[in-house]
Amino acid sequence: MLKRQNSDSNGINLLGNNLNVSSDFGIYKISFPKNVTPGTYDLTANSDFGAGIPNADNHAEFDLTSGSLTITSHNGNNIVGTFNFTVNNGSETITITNGSFDITHK
């Protein structure tokens, strides 16, 4: 479920969480360029197309290991897409699947 969307001059950051309250409930972040066009993109660390899960104070930081973002449409300021990704912090692996969004940015 999308909780917050930020856009700056060049990029969009989506923050959200899993709709199901279970062991995999958590906050996630997806980032991509504001001028993105329809297509499928690899999510990688330190790029314009990224994803992640914030770490708690007492846990090691999660690193993005793989993932993809599919933009199905970008009409005017409306962007629709899906995503999935996997992160690891050395002792725990978390996989986000079936993520989706439909946003209108500034």
PDB file of N, CA and C in Angstrom:
ATOM      1  N   MET A   1       0.851  -1.166   0.000  1.00  0.00           N
ATOM      2  CA  MET A   1       0.000   0.000   0.000  1.00  0.00           C
ATOM      3  C   MET A   1       0.896   1.229   0.000  1.00  0.00           C
ATOM      4  N   LEU A   2       0.678   2.124  -0.913  1.00  0.00           N
ATOM      5  CA  LEU A   2       1.452   3.347  -0.995  1.00  0.00           C
ATOM      6  C   LEU A   2       1.124   4.242   0.182  1.00  0.00           C
ATOM      7  N   LYS A   3       2.143   4.692   0.878  1.00  0.00           N
ATOM      8  CA  LYS A   3       1.948   5.575   2.011  1.00  0.00           C
ATOM      9  C   LYS A   3       2.346   7.014   1.699  1.00  0.00           C
ATOM     10  N   ARG A   4       3.419   7.188   0.957  1.00  0.00           N
ATOM     11  CA  ARG A   4       3.900   8.529   0.689  1.00  0.00           C
ATOM     12  C   ARG A   4       4.675   8.534  -0.613  1.00  0.00           C
ATOM     13  N   GLN A   5       4.555   9.645  -1.326  1.00  0.00           N
ATOM     14  CA  GLN A   5       5.279   9.812  -2.577  1.00  0.00           C
ATOM     15  C   GLN A   5       5.967  11.156  -2.527  1.00  0.00           C
ATOM     16  N   ASN A   6       7.253  11.166  -2.827  1.00  0.00           N
ATOM     17  CA  ASN A   6       8.040  12.393  -2.918  1.00  0.00           C
ATOM     18  C   ASN A   6       8.543  12.511  -4.338  1.00  0.00           C
ATOM     19  N   SER A   7       8.566  13.713  -4.856  1.00  0.00           N
ATOM     20  CA  SER A   7       9.224  13.901  -6.140  1.00  0.00           C
ATOM     21  C   SER A   7      10.071  15.153  -6.048  1.00  0.00           C
ATOM     22  N   ASP A   8      11.247  15.078  -6.620  1.00  0.00           N
ATOM     23  CA  ASP A   8      12.089  16.259  -6.723  1.00  0.00           C
ATOM     24  C   ASP A   8      12.245  16.566  -8.196  1.00  0.00           C
ATOM     25  N   SER A   9      13.195  17.386  -8.552  1.00  0.00           N
ATOM     26  CA  SER A   9      13.305  17.798  -9.940  1.00  0.00           C
ATOM     27  C   SER A   9      13.623  16.647 -10.886  1.00  0.00           C
ATOM     28  N   ASN A  10      14.266  15.589 -10.394  1.00  0.00           N
ATOM     29  CA  ASN A  10      14.686  14.505 -11.282  1.00  0.00           C
ATOM     30  C   ASN A  10      14.146  13.130 -10.931  1.00  0.00           C
ATOM     31  N   GLY A  11      13.612  12.944  -9.740  1.00  0.00           N
ATOM     32  CA  GLY A  11      13.241  11.595  -9.350  1.00  0.00           C
ATOM     33  C   GLY A  11      11.996  11.515  -8.491  1.00  0.00           C
ATOM     34  N   ILE A  12      11.511  10.285  -8.365  1.00  0.00           N
ATOM     35  CA  ILE A  12      10.337   9.984  -7.542  1.00  0.00           C
ATOM     36  C   ILE A  12      10.732   8.903  -6.553  1.00  0.00           C
ATOM     37  N   ASN A  13      10.353   9.082  -5.291  1.00  0.00           N
ATOM     38  CA  ASN A  13      10.569   8.101  -4.237  1.00  0.00           C
ATOM     39  C   ASN A  13       9.218   7.697  -3.680  1.00  0.00           C
ATOM     40  N   LEU A  14       8.920   6.402  -3.714  1.00  0.00           N
ATOM     41  CA  LEU A  14       7.679   5.882  -3.159  1.00  0.00           C
ATOM     42  C   LEU A  14       7.989   5.145  -1.870  1.00  0.00           C
ATOM     43  N   LEU A  15       7.264   5.459  -0.811  1.00  0.00           N
ATOM     44  CA  LEU A  15       7.393   4.755   0.457  1.00  0.00           C
ATOM     45  C   LEU A  15       6.066   4.080   0.753  1.00  0.00           C
ATOM     46  N   GLY A  16       6.098   2.836   1.149  1.00  0.00           N
ATOM     47  CA  GLY A  16       4.865   2.116   1.421  1.00  0.00           C
ATOM     48  C   GLY A  16       5.102   0.937   2.326  1.00  0.00           C
ATOM     49  N   ASN A  17       4.073   0.108   2.486  1.00  0.00           N
ATOM     50  CA  ASN A  17       4.195  -1.090   3.299  1.00  0.00           C
ATOM     51  C   ASN A  17       3.298  -2.182   2.757  1.00  0.00           C
ATOM     52  N   ASN A  18       3.603  -3.402   3.188  1.00  0.00           N
ATOM     53  CA  ASN A  18       2.818  -4.569   2.822  1.00  0.00           C
ATOM     54  C   ASN A  18       1.424  -4.426   3.409  1.00  0.00           C
ATOM     55  N   LEU A  19       0.393  -4.798   2.665  1.00  0.00           N
ATOM     56  CA  LEU A  19      -0.984  -4.713   3.159  1.00  0.00           C
ATOM     57  C   LEU A  19      -1.305  -5.765   4.214  1.00  0.00           C
ATOM     58  N   ASN A  20      -0.590  -6.882   4.210  1.00  0.00           N
ATOM     59  CA  ASN A  20      -0.865  -7.965   5.155  1.00  0.00           C
ATOM     60  C   ASN A  20       0.022  -7.834   6.380  1.00  0.00           C
ATOM     61  N   VAL A  21      -0.594  -7.746   7.550  1.00  0.00           N
ATOM     62  CA  VAL A  21       0.178  -7.682   8.784  1.00  0.00           C
ATOM     63  C   VAL A  21       0.596  -9.106   9.126  1.00  0.00           C
ATOM     64  N   SER A  22       1.854  -9.409   8.853  1.00  0.00           N
ATOM     65  CA  SER A  22       2.402 -10.743   9.090  1.00  0.00           C
ATOM     66  C   SER A  22       3.895 -10.599   9.314  1.00  0.00           C
ATOM     67  N   SER A  23       4.600 -11.706   9.271  1.00  0.00           N
ATOM     68  CA  SER A  23       6.037 -11.655   9.508  1.00  0.00           C
ATOM     69  C   SER A  23       6.780 -10.852   8.448  1.00  0.00           C
ATOM     70  N   ASP A  24       6.181 -10.674   7.262  1.00  0.00           N
ATOM     71  CA  ASP A  24       6.864  -9.915   6.215  1.00  0.00           C
ATOM     72  C   ASP A  24       6.353  -8.479   6.103  1.00  0.00           C
ATOM     73  N   PHE A  25       5.580  -8.042   7.101  1.00  0.00           N
ATOM     74  CA  PHE A  25       5.082  -6.670   7.117  1.00  0.00           C
ATOM     75  C   PHE A  25       6.268  -5.730   7.312  1.00  0.00           C
ATOM     76  N   GLY A  26       6.369  -4.718   6.496  1.00  0.00           N
ATOM     77  CA  GLY A  26       7.470  -3.783   6.654  1.00  0.00           C
ATOM     78  C   GLY A  26       7.376  -2.655   5.671  1.00  0.00           C
ATOM     79  N   ILE A  27       8.234  -1.697   5.858  1.00  0.00           N
ATOM     80  CA  ILE A  27       8.275  -0.513   5.010  1.00  0.00           C
ATOM     81  C   ILE A  27       9.247  -0.766   3.859  1.00  0.00           C
ATOM     82  N   TYR A  28       8.891  -0.286   2.691  1.00  0.00           N
ATOM     83  CA  TYR A  28       9.777  -0.401   1.547  1.00  0.00           C
ATOM     84  C   TYR A  28       9.906   0.948   0.856  1.00  0.00           C
ATOM     85  N   LYS A  29      10.923   1.052  -0.012  1.00  0.00           N
ATOM     86  CA  LYS A  29      11.143   2.267  -0.794  1.00  0.00           C
ATOM     87  C   LYS A  29      11.488   1.863  -2.219  1.00  0.00           C
ATOM     88  N   ILE A  30      10.872   2.563  -3.181  1.00  0.00           N
ATOM     89  CA  ILE A  30      11.172   2.394  -4.599  1.00  0.00           C
ATOM     90  C   ILE A  30      11.539   3.776  -5.140  1.00  0.00           C
ATOM     91  N   SER A  31      12.581   3.859  -5.969  1.00  0.00           N
ATOM     92  CA  SER A  31      13.007   5.132  -6.560  1.00  0.00           C
ATOM     93  C   SER A  31      13.187   4.964  -8.062  1.00  0.00           C
ATOM     94  N   PHE A  32      12.790   6.006  -8.802  1.00  0.00           N
ATOM     95  CA  PHE A  32      12.985   5.983 -10.250  1.00  0.00           C
ATOM     96  C   PHE A  32      12.923   7.408 -10.785  1.00  0.00           C
ATOM     97  N   PRO A  33      13.453   7.647 -11.998  1.00  0.00           N
ATOM     98  CA  PRO A  33      13.443   8.991 -12.578  1.00  0.00           C
ATOM     99  C   PRO A  33      12.027   9.479 -12.875  1.00  0.00           C
ATOM    100  N   LYS A  34      11.827  10.769 -12.724  1.00  0.00           N
ATOM    101  CA  LYS A  34      10.511  11.360 -12.976  1.00  0.00           C
ATOM    102  C   LYS A  34      10.109  11.227 -14.443  1.00  0.00           C
ATOM    103  N   ASN A  35      11.065  11.186 -15.342  1.00  0.00           N
ATOM    104  CA  ASN A  35      10.759  11.096 -16.775  1.00  0.00           C
ATOM    105  C   ASN A  35      10.770   9.650 -17.286  1.00  0.00           C
ATOM    106  N   VAL A  36      10.532   8.682 -16.410  1.00  0.00           N
ATOM    107  CA  VAL A  36      10.546   7.264 -16.764  1.00  0.00           C
ATOM    108  C   VAL A  36       9.530   6.969 -17.867  1.00  0.00           C
ATOM    109  N   THR A  37       9.884   6.056 -18.748  1.00  0.00           N
ATOM    110  CA  THR A  37       8.988   5.639 -19.827  1.00  0.00           C
ATOM    111  C   THR A  37       8.567   4.189 -19.588  1.00  0.00           C
ATOM    112  N   PRO A  38       7.448   3.749 -20.166  1.00  0.00           N
ATOM    113  CA  PRO A  38       7.023   2.363 -19.980  1.00  0.00           C
ATOM    114  C   PRO A  38       8.119   1.377 -20.377  1.00  0.00           C
ATOM    115  N   GLY A  39       8.246   0.336 -19.574  1.00  0.00           N
ATOM    116  CA  GLY A  39       9.251  -0.687 -19.796  1.00  0.00           C
ATOM    117  C   GLY A  39       9.594  -1.364 -18.491  1.00  0.00           C
ATOM    118  N   THR A  40      10.511  -2.328 -18.549  1.00  0.00           N
ATOM    119  CA  THR A  40      10.971  -3.045 -17.359  1.00  0.00           C
ATOM    120  C   THR A  40      12.416  -2.677 -17.096  1.00  0.00           C
ATOM    121  N   TYR A  41      12.713  -2.364 -15.839  1.00  0.00           N
ATOM    122  CA  TYR A  41      14.031  -1.891 -15.427  1.00  0.00           C
ATOM    123  C   TYR A  41      14.553  -2.742 -14.277  1.00  0.00           C
ATOM    124  N   ASP A  42      15.862  -3.030 -14.308  1.00  0.00           N
ATOM    125  CA  ASP A  42      16.500  -3.702 -13.180  1.00  0.00           C
ATOM    126  C   ASP A  42      16.663  -2.699 -12.042  1.00  0.00           C
ATOM    127  N   LEU A  43      16.371  -3.130 -10.829  1.00  0.00           N
ATOM    128  CA  LEU A  43      16.611  -2.311  -9.644  1.00  0.00           C
ATOM    129  C   LEU A  43      18.003  -2.647  -9.138  1.00  0.00           C
ATOM    130  N   THR A  44      18.844  -1.633  -8.979  1.00  0.00           N
ATOM    131  CA  THR A  44      20.211  -1.836  -8.523  1.00  0.00           C
ATOM    132  C   THR A  44      20.572  -0.778  -7.491  1.00  0.00           C
ATOM    133  N   ALA A  45      21.526  -1.103  -6.652  1.00  0.00           N
ATOM    134  CA  ALA A  45      22.003  -0.156  -5.655  1.00  0.00           C
ATOM    135  C   ALA A  45      22.740   0.989  -6.355  1.00  0.00           C
ATOM    136  N   ASN A  46      22.628   2.168  -5.815  1.00  0.00           N
ATOM    137  CA  ASN A  46      23.340   3.351  -6.310  1.00  0.00           C
ATOM    138  C   ASN A  46      23.036   3.675  -7.768  1.00  0.00           C
ATOM    139  N   SER A  47      21.751   3.584  -8.132  1.00  0.00           N
ATOM    140  CA  SER A  47      21.349   3.962  -9.477  1.00  0.00           C
ATOM    141  C   SER A  47      20.060   4.763  -9.404  1.00  0.00           C
ATOM    142  N   ASP A  48      19.586   5.235 -10.546  1.00  0.00           N
ATOM    143  CA  ASP A  48      18.321   5.961 -10.582  1.00  0.00           C
ATOM    144  C   ASP A  48      17.129   5.046 -10.322  1.00  0.00           C
ATOM    145  N   PHE A  49      17.311   3.738 -10.536  1.00  0.00           N
ATOM    146  CA  PHE A  49      16.261   2.746 -10.300  1.00  0.00           C
ATOM    147  C   PHE A  49      16.678   1.910  -9.100  1.00  0.00           C
ATOM    148  N   GLY A  50      16.110   2.208  -7.927  1.00  0.00           N
ATOM    149  CA  GLY A  50      16.524   1.519  -6.717  1.00  0.00           C
ATOM    150  C   GLY A  50      15.355   1.098  -5.859  1.00  0.00           C
ATOM    151  N   ALA A  51      15.663   0.312  -4.841  1.00  0.00           N
ATOM    152  CA  ALA A  51      14.665  -0.157  -3.888  1.00  0.00           C
ATOM    153  C   ALA A  51      15.374  -0.514  -2.596  1.00  0.00           C
ATOM    154  N   GLY A  52      14.612  -0.564  -1.516  1.00  0.00           N
ATOM    155  CA  GLY A  52      15.208  -0.950  -0.254  1.00  0.00           C
ATOM    156  C   GLY A  52      14.201  -1.048   0.861  1.00  0.00           C
ATOM    157  N   ILE A  53      14.714  -1.518   1.988  1.00  0.00           N
ATOM    158  CA  ILE A  53      13.948  -1.610   3.227  1.00  0.00           C
ATOM    159  C   ILE A  53      14.805  -0.954   4.303  1.00  0.00           C
ATOM    160  N   PRO A  54      14.261   0.055   5.005  1.00  0.00           N
ATOM    161  CA  PRO A  54      15.046   0.691   6.066  1.00  0.00           C
ATOM    162  C   PRO A  54      15.360  -0.310   7.175  1.00  0.00           C
ATOM    163  N   ASN A  55      16.536  -0.176   7.758  1.00  0.00           N
ATOM    164  CA  ASN A  55      16.893  -1.063   8.853  1.00  0.00           C
ATOM    165  C   ASN A  55      16.552  -0.413  10.192  1.00  0.00           C
ATOM    166  N   ALA A  56      16.267  -1.246  11.174  1.00  0.00           N
ATOM    167  CA  ALA A  56      16.035  -0.757  12.528  1.00  0.00           C
ATOM    168  C   ALA A  56      17.380  -0.415  13.160  1.00  0.00           C
ATOM    169  N   ASP A  57      17.361   0.335  14.236  1.00  0.00           N
ATOM    170  CA  ASP A  57      18.591   0.788  14.883  1.00  0.00           C
ATOM    171  C   ASP A  57      19.537  -0.344  15.256  1.00  0.00           C
ATOM    172  N   ASN A  58      18.989  -1.483  15.633  1.00  0.00           N
ATOM    173  CA  ASN A  58      19.845  -2.568  16.119  1.00  0.00           C
ATOM    174  C   ASN A  58      20.067  -3.675  15.085  1.00  0.00           C
ATOM    175  N   HIS A  59      19.761  -3.423  13.809  1.00  0.00           N
ATOM    176  CA  HIS A  59      19.953  -4.413  12.754  1.00  0.00           C
ATOM    177  C   HIS A  59      20.947  -3.899  11.710  1.00  0.00           C
ATOM    178  N   ALA A  60      21.612  -4.837  11.070  1.00  0.00           N
ATOM    179  CA  ALA A  60      22.524  -4.465   9.989  1.00  0.00           C
ATOM    180  C   ALA A  60      21.723  -3.912   8.815  1.00  0.00           C
ATOM    181  N   GLU A  61      22.352  -3.053   8.043  1.00  0.00           N
ATOM    182  CA  GLU A  61      21.677  -2.443   6.893  1.00  0.00           C
ATOM    183  C   GLU A  61      21.392  -3.486   5.816  1.00  0.00           C
ATOM    184  N   PHE A  62      20.215  -3.364   5.201  1.00  0.00           N
ATOM    185  CA  PHE A  62      19.840  -4.257   4.109  1.00  0.00           C
ATOM    186  C   PHE A  62      20.406  -3.732   2.803  1.00  0.00           C
ATOM    187  N   ASP A  63      20.983  -4.633   2.011  1.00  0.00           N
ATOM    188  CA  ASP A  63      21.507  -4.304   0.687  1.00  0.00           C
ATOM    189  C   ASP A  63      20.605  -4.932  -0.369  1.00  0.00           C
ATOM    190  N   LEU A  64      20.320  -4.181  -1.409  1.00  0.00           N
ATOM    191  CA  LEU A  64      19.527  -4.669  -2.531  1.00  0.00           C
ATOM    192  C   LEU A  64      20.338  -5.712  -3.290  1.00  0.00           C
ATOM    193  N   THR A  65      19.767  -6.906  -3.485  1.00  0.00           N
ATOM    194  CA  THR A  65      20.478  -7.956  -4.219  1.00  0.00           C
ATOM    195  C   THR A  65      19.914  -8.180  -5.617  1.00  0.00           C
ATOM    196  N   SER A  66      18.613  -7.949  -5.811  1.00  0.00           N
ATOM    197  CA  SER A  66      18.017  -8.087  -7.141  1.00  0.00           C
ATOM    198  C   SER A  66      16.624  -7.489  -7.120  1.00  0.00           C
ATOM    199  N   GLY A  67      16.087  -7.242  -8.304  1.00  0.00           N
ATOM    200  CA  GLY A  67      14.721  -6.746  -8.396  1.00  0.00           C
ATOM    201  C   GLY A  67      14.438  -6.127  -9.745  1.00  0.00           C
ATOM    202  N   SER A  68      13.153  -5.874  -9.967  1.00  0.00           N
ATOM    203  CA  SER A  68      12.766  -5.212 -11.209  1.00  0.00           C
ATOM    204  C   SER A  68      11.557  -4.316 -10.976  1.00  0.00           C
ATOM    205  N   LEU A  69      11.462  -3.317 -11.816  1.00  0.00           N
ATOM    206  CA  LEU A  69      10.370  -2.349 -11.813  1.00  0.00           C
ATOM    207  C   LEU A  69       9.800  -2.330 -13.227  1.00  0.00           C
ATOM    208  N   THR A  70       8.496  -2.489 -13.342  1.00  0.00           N
ATOM    209  CA  THR A  70       7.843  -2.406 -14.641  1.00  0.00           C
ATOM    210  C   THR A  70       6.904  -1.215 -14.633  1.00  0.00           C
ATOM    211  N   ILE A  71       7.153  -0.266 -15.521  1.00  0.00           N
ATOM    212  CA  ILE A  71       6.269   0.881 -15.694  1.00  0.00           C
ATOM    213  C   ILE A  71       5.301   0.500 -16.804  1.00  0.00           C
ATOM    214  N   THR A  72       4.019   0.389 -16.464  1.00  0.00           N
ATOM    215  CA  THR A  72       3.026  -0.014 -17.465  1.00  0.00           C
ATOM    216  C   THR A  72       2.463   1.179 -18.214  1.00  0.00           C
ATOM    217  N   SER A  73       2.432   2.353 -17.547  1.00  0.00           N
ATOM    218  CA  SER A  73       2.014   3.564 -18.255  1.00  0.00           C
ATOM    219  C   SER A  73       2.537   4.797 -17.542  1.00  0.00           C
ATOM    220  N   HIS A  74       2.788   5.839 -18.322  1.00  0.00           N
ATOM    221  CA  HIS A  74       3.175   7.153 -17.813  1.00  0.00           C
ATOM    222  C   HIS A  74       2.512   8.174 -18.731  1.00  0.00           C
ATOM    223  N   ASN A  75       1.348   8.631 -18.299  1.00  0.00           N
ATOM    224  CA  ASN A  75       0.558   9.590 -19.063  1.00  0.00           C
ATOM    225  C   ASN A  75       0.444  10.883 -18.274  1.00  0.00           C
ATOM    226  N   GLY A  76       1.024  11.963 -18.805  1.00  0.00           N
ATOM    227  CA  GLY A  76       1.036  13.221 -18.067  1.00  0.00           C
ATOM    228  C   GLY A  76       1.783  13.042 -16.764  1.00  0.00           C
ATOM    229  N   ASN A  77       1.123  13.296 -15.634  1.00  0.00           N
ATOM    230  CA  ASN A  77       1.746  13.133 -14.323  1.00  0.00           C
ATOM    231  C   ASN A  77       1.339  11.838 -13.632  1.00  0.00           C
ATOM    232  N   ASN A  78       0.648  10.941 -14.330  1.00  0.00           N
ATOM    233  CA  ASN A  78       0.210   9.679 -13.742  1.00  0.00           C
ATOM    234  C   ASN A  78       1.137   8.548 -14.171  1.00  0.00           C
ATOM    235  N   ILE A  79       1.652   7.796 -13.180  1.00  0.00           N
ATOM    236  CA  ILE A  79       2.533   6.662 -13.452  1.00  0.00           C
ATOM    237  C   ILE A  79       1.948   5.424 -12.778  1.00  0.00           C
ATOM    238  N   VAL A  80       1.861   4.326 -13.538  1.00  0.00           N
ATOM    239  CA  VAL A  80       1.357   3.059 -13.031  1.00  0.00           C
ATOM    240  C   VAL A  80       2.450   2.016 -13.230  1.00  0.00           C
ATOM    241  N   GLY A  81       2.677   1.198 -12.193  1.00  0.00           N
ATOM    242  CA  GLY A  81       3.701   0.175 -12.337  1.00  0.00           C
ATOM    243  C   GLY A  81       3.620  -0.918 -11.296  1.00  0.00           C
ATOM    244  N   THR A  82       4.515  -1.900 -11.462  1.00  0.00           N
ATOM    245  CA  THR A  82       4.650  -3.018 -10.539  1.00  0.00           C
ATOM    246  C   THR A  82       6.133  -3.208 -10.225  1.00  0.00           C
ATOM    247  N   PHE A  83       6.407  -3.907  -9.119  1.00  0.00           N
ATOM    248  CA  PHE A  83       7.798  -4.118  -8.730  1.00  0.00           C
ATOM    249  C   PHE A  83       7.939  -5.355  -7.868  1.00  0.00           C
ATOM    250  N   ASN A  84       9.170  -5.848  -7.786  1.00  0.00           N
ATOM    251  CA  ASN A  84       9.571  -6.892  -6.849  1.00  0.00           C
ATOM    252  C   ASN A  84      11.057  -6.726  -6.602  1.00  0.00           C
ATOM    253  N   PHE A  85      11.503  -7.095  -5.408  1.00  0.00           N
ATOM    254  CA  PHE A  85      12.928  -7.015  -5.126  1.00  0.00           C
ATOM    255  C   PHE A  85      13.288  -7.854  -3.911  1.00  0.00           C
ATOM    256  N   THR A  86      14.589  -8.130  -3.782  1.00  0.00           N
ATOM    257  CA  THR A  86      15.131  -8.885  -2.657  1.00  0.00           C
ATOM    258  C   THR A  86      16.265  -8.085  -2.038  1.00  0.00           C
ATOM    259  N   VAL A  87      16.288  -8.052  -0.708  1.00  0.00           N
ATOM    260  CA  VAL A  87      17.361  -7.396   0.043  1.00  0.00           C
ATOM    261  C   VAL A  87      17.917  -8.385   1.061  1.00  0.00           C
ATOM    262  N   ASN A  88      19.177  -8.157   1.489  1.00  0.00           N
ATOM    263  CA  ASN A  88      19.827  -9.026   2.455  1.00  0.00           C
ATOM    264  C   ASN A  88      20.688  -8.179   3.379  1.00  0.00           C
ATOM    265  N   ASN A  89      20.724  -8.537   4.669  1.00  0.00           N
ATOM    266  CA  ASN A  89      21.582  -7.808   5.612  1.00  0.00           C
ATOM    267  C   ASN A  89      22.671  -8.702   6.197  1.00  0.00           C
ATOM    268  N   GLY A  90      22.970  -9.796   5.529  1.00  0.00           N
ATOM    269  CA  GLY A  90      24.004 -10.704   5.996  1.00  0.00           C
ATOM    270  C   GLY A  90      23.448 -11.877   6.778  1.00  0.00           C
ATOM    271  N   SER A  91      22.331 -11.675   7.481  1.00  0.00           N
ATOM    272  CA  SER A  91      21.728 -12.764   8.233  1.00  0.00           C
ATOM    273  C   SER A  91      20.259 -12.983   7.890  1.00  0.00           C
ATOM    274  N   GLU A  92      19.665 -12.030   7.193  1.00  0.00           N
ATOM    275  CA  GLU A  92      18.245 -12.129   6.852  1.00  0.00           C
ATOM    276  C   GLU A  92      18.032 -11.666   5.420  1.00  0.00           C
ATOM    277  N   THR A  93      17.207 -12.410   4.688  1.00  0.00           N
ATOM    278  CA  THR A  93      16.821 -12.052   3.323  1.00  0.00           C
ATOM    279  C   THR A  93      15.328 -11.761   3.312  1.00  0.00           C
ATOM    280  N   ILE A  94      14.945 -10.648   2.698  1.00  0.00           N
ATOM    281  CA  ILE A  94      13.542 -10.272   2.579  1.00  0.00           C
ATOM    282  C   ILE A  94      13.241 -10.084   1.099  1.00  0.00           C
ATOM    283  N   THR A  95      12.141 -10.679   0.647  1.00  0.00           N
ATOM    284  CA  THR A  95      11.710 -10.550  -0.740  1.00  0.00           C
ATOM    285  C   THR A  95      10.339  -9.894  -0.780  1.00  0.00           C
ATOM    286  N   ILE A  96      10.214  -8.841  -1.539  1.00  0.00           N
ATOM    287  CA  ILE A  96       8.950  -8.150  -1.771  1.00  0.00           C
ATOM    288  C   ILE A  96       8.459  -8.582  -3.151  1.00  0.00           C
ATOM    289  N   THR A  97       7.225  -9.095  -3.227  1.00  0.00           N
ATOM    290  CA  THR A  97       6.668  -9.524  -4.501  1.00  0.00           C
ATOM    291  C   THR A  97       5.305  -8.873  -4.711  1.00  0.00           C
ATOM    292  N   ASN A  98       4.898  -8.821  -5.953  1.00  0.00           N
ATOM    293  CA  ASN A  98       3.575  -8.307  -6.320  1.00  0.00           C
ATOM    294  C   ASN A  98       3.317  -6.878  -5.856  1.00  0.00           C
ATOM    295  N   GLY A  99       4.363  -6.053  -5.787  1.00  0.00           N
ATOM    296  CA  GLY A  99       4.185  -4.642  -5.443  1.00  0.00           C
ATOM    297  C   GLY A  99       3.559  -3.895  -6.601  1.00  0.00           C
ATOM    298  N   SER A 100       2.737  -2.901  -6.301  1.00  0.00           N
ATOM    299  CA  SER A 100       2.123  -2.114  -7.367  1.00  0.00           C
ATOM    300  C   SER A 100       1.865  -0.700  -6.893  1.00  0.00           C
ATOM    301  N   PHE A 101       1.728   0.219  -7.849  1.00  0.00           N
ATOM    302  CA  PHE A 101       1.416   1.600  -7.537  1.00  0.00           C
ATOM    303  C   PHE A 101       0.711   2.261  -8.716  1.00  0.00           C
ATOM    304  N   ASP A 102      -0.022   3.303  -8.401  1.00  0.00           N
ATOM    305  CA  ASP A 102      -0.715   4.141  -9.377  1.00  0.00           C
ATOM    306  C   ASP A 102      -0.684   5.522  -8.766  1.00  0.00           C
ATOM    307  N   ILE A 103       0.248   6.375  -9.189  1.00  0.00           N
ATOM    308  CA  ILE A 103       0.441   7.678  -8.548  1.00  0.00           C
ATOM    309  C   ILE A 103       0.280   8.822  -9.548  1.00  0.00           C
ATOM    310  N   THR A 104       0.021   9.982  -9.007  1.00  0.00           N
ATOM    311  CA  THR A 104       0.054  11.226  -9.758  1.00  0.00           C
ATOM    312  C   THR A 104       1.084  12.106  -9.078  1.00  0.00           C
ATOM    313  N   HIS A 105       2.136  12.486  -9.817  1.00  0.00           N
ATOM    314  CA  HIS A 105       3.211  13.282  -9.229  1.00  0.00           C
ATOM    315  C   HIS A 105       3.107  14.735  -9.669  1.00  0.00           C
ATOM    316  N   LYS A 106       3.848  15.574  -8.972  1.00  0.00           N
ATOM    317  CA  LYS A 106       3.873  17.005  -9.285  1.00  0.00           C
ATOM    318  C   LYS A 106       4.870  17.296 -10.363  1.00  0.00           C
TER     319      LYS A 106
END
